C-alpha atoms as a PDB file:
ATOM      1  CA  MET A   1       7.493 -13.347  10.702  1.00  0.00           C
ATOM      2  CA  GLU A   2       6.684  -9.859   9.474  1.00  0.00           C
ATOM      3  CA  GLU A   3       4.051  -9.338   6.797  1.00  0.00           C
ATOM      4  CA  TYR A   4       4.934  -7.617   3.525  1.00  0.00           C
ATOM      5  CA  ILE A   5       3.026  -6.416   0.482  1.00  0.00           C
ATOM      6  CA  VAL A   6       4.294  -5.305  -2.912  1.00  0.00           C
ATOM      7  CA  VAL A   7       2.466  -2.587  -4.854  1.00  0.00           C
ATOM      8  CA  LYS A   8       3.102  -2.090  -8.591  1.00  0.00           C
ATOM      9  CA  ALA A   9       1.591   1.073 -10.084  1.00  0.00           C
ATOM     10  CA  LEU A  10      -0.423   0.565 -13.267  1.00  0.00           C
ATOM     11  CA  GLU A  11      -0.800   4.340 -13.778  1.00  0.00           C
ATOM     12  CA  ASP A  12       0.940   7.543 -12.731  1.00  0.00           C
ATOM     13  CA  GLY A  13      -0.037   8.993  -9.380  1.00  0.00           C
ATOM     14  CA  VAL A  14      -0.826   5.883  -7.332  1.00  0.00           C
ATOM     15  CA  ASN A  15      -0.862   6.836  -3.637  1.00  0.00           C
ATOM     16  CA  ILE A  16       0.132   4.487  -0.830  1.00  0.00           C
ATOM     17  CA  ILE A  17      -0.748   5.541   2.698  1.00  0.00           C
ATOM     18  CA  GLY A  18       0.530   3.849   5.860  1.00  0.00           C
ATOM     19  CA  LEU A  19      -1.900   3.980   8.782  1.00  0.00           C
ATOM     20  CA  THR A  20      -1.591   3.349  12.496  1.00  0.00           C
ATOM     21  CA  SER A  21      -4.338   1.963  14.690  1.00  0.00           C
ATOM     22  CA  GLY A  22      -5.258   2.119  18.326  1.00  0.00           C
ATOM     23  CA  LYS A  23      -7.344   4.756  20.035  1.00  0.00           C
ATOM     24  CA  ASP A  24      -7.088   6.975  16.929  1.00  0.00           C
ATOM     25  CA  THR A  25      -6.206   5.919  13.373  1.00  0.00           C
ATOM     26  CA  LYS A  26      -3.529   8.219  11.972  1.00  0.00           C
ATOM     27  CA  PHE A  27      -1.637   8.627   8.713  1.00  0.00           C
ATOM     28  CA  HIS A  28       2.087   8.204   9.268  1.00  0.00           C
ATOM     29  CA  HIS A  29       3.603   7.690   5.808  1.00  0.00           C
ATOM     30  CA  THR A  30       2.691   8.384   2.184  1.00  0.00           C
ATOM     31  CA  GLU A  31       4.280   7.477  -1.126  1.00  0.00           C
ATOM     32  CA  LYS A  32       3.331   8.430  -4.679  1.00  0.00           C
ATOM     33  CA  LEU A  33       4.214   6.016  -7.495  1.00  0.00           C
ATOM     34  CA  ASP A  34       4.372   6.493 -11.235  1.00  0.00           C
ATOM     35  CA  LYS A  35       3.408   3.788 -13.729  1.00  0.00           C
ATOM     36  CA  GLY A  36       5.701   0.778 -13.452  1.00  0.00           C
ATOM     37  CA  GLU A  37       7.189   1.740 -10.090  1.00  0.00           C
ATOM     38  CA  VAL A  38       7.148  -0.878  -7.338  1.00  0.00           C
ATOM     39  CA  PHE A  39       6.913  -0.312  -3.580  1.00  0.00           C
ATOM     40  CA  LEU A  40       7.578  -2.934  -0.908  1.00  0.00           C
ATOM     41  CA  ALA A  41       5.761  -2.262   2.389  1.00  0.00           C
ATOM     42  CA  GLN A  42       6.019  -4.012   5.734  1.00  0.00           C
ATOM     43  CA  PHE A  43       3.407  -4.252   8.476  1.00  0.00           C
ATOM     44  CA  THR A  44       4.976  -3.336  11.819  1.00  0.00           C
ATOM     45  CA  GLU A  45       3.895  -2.204  15.281  1.00  0.00           C
ATOM     46  CA  MET A  46       3.463   1.261  13.753  1.00  0.00           C
ATOM     47  CA  THR A  47       1.964   0.298  10.356  1.00  0.00           C
ATOM     48  CA  THR A  48      -1.193  -1.727  10.869  1.00  0.00           C
ATOM     49  CA  ALA A  49      -3.022  -0.799   7.660  1.00  0.00           C
ATOM     50  CA  ILE A  50      -2.045   0.304   4.170  1.00  0.00           C
ATOM     51  CA  LYS A  51      -4.336   2.144   1.762  1.00  0.00           C
ATOM     52  CA  VAL A  52      -3.706   2.076  -1.998  1.00  0.00           C
ATOM     53  CA  ASN A  53      -5.432   4.745  -4.089  1.00  0.00           C
ATOM     54  CA  GLY A  54      -5.197   4.331  -7.871  1.00  0.00           C
ATOM     55  CA  SER A  55      -4.762   1.470 -10.314  1.00  0.00           C
ATOM     56  CA  ALA A  56      -2.182  -0.972  -8.991  1.00  0.00           C
ATOM     57  CA  GLU A  57      -1.318  -4.629  -8.606  1.00  0.00           C
ATOM     58  CA  ILE A  58      -0.927  -5.647  -4.967  1.00  0.00           C
ATOM     59  CA  TYR A  59       0.939  -8.839  -4.099  1.00  0.00           C
ATOM     60  CA  THR A  60       0.546 -10.474  -0.669  1.00  0.00           C
ATOM     61  CA  LYS A  61       1.099 -13.936   0.774  1.00  0.00           C
ATOM     62  CA  HIS A  62      -2.630 -14.412   0.121  1.00  0.00           C
ATOM     63  CA  GLY A  63      -2.280 -13.772  -3.614  1.00  0.00           C
ATOM     64  CA  LYS A  64      -2.521 -10.940  -6.136  1.00  0.00           C
ATOM     65  CA  LEU A  65      -5.134  -8.195  -5.983  1.00  0.00           C
ATOM     66  CA  THR A  66      -5.804  -5.359  -8.412  1.00  0.00           C
ATOM     67  CA  SER A  67      -7.084  -1.997  -7.280  1.00  0.00           C
ATOM     68  CA  ASP A  68      -9.014  -0.101  -9.913  1.00  0.00           C
ATOM     69  CA  LYS A  69      -9.682   3.607  -9.778  1.00  0.00           C
ATOM     70  CA  ARG A  70     -12.972   4.293 -11.532  1.00  0.00           C
END
């Protein structure tokens, strides 16, 4: 089963960056969310890491996390 996360922006300008891994880690996708917008992301063979920059709620099968830009 594929892994998913949901990111809900708590402020304007939250950045989501999809990363690859292997010999070199590379950026392959970016999204910018405004407050209240929601983004559903899936881990795949290409996306092995996701970085969230800004204040957001992140929902995974492991529970809810909150990122906090300070």
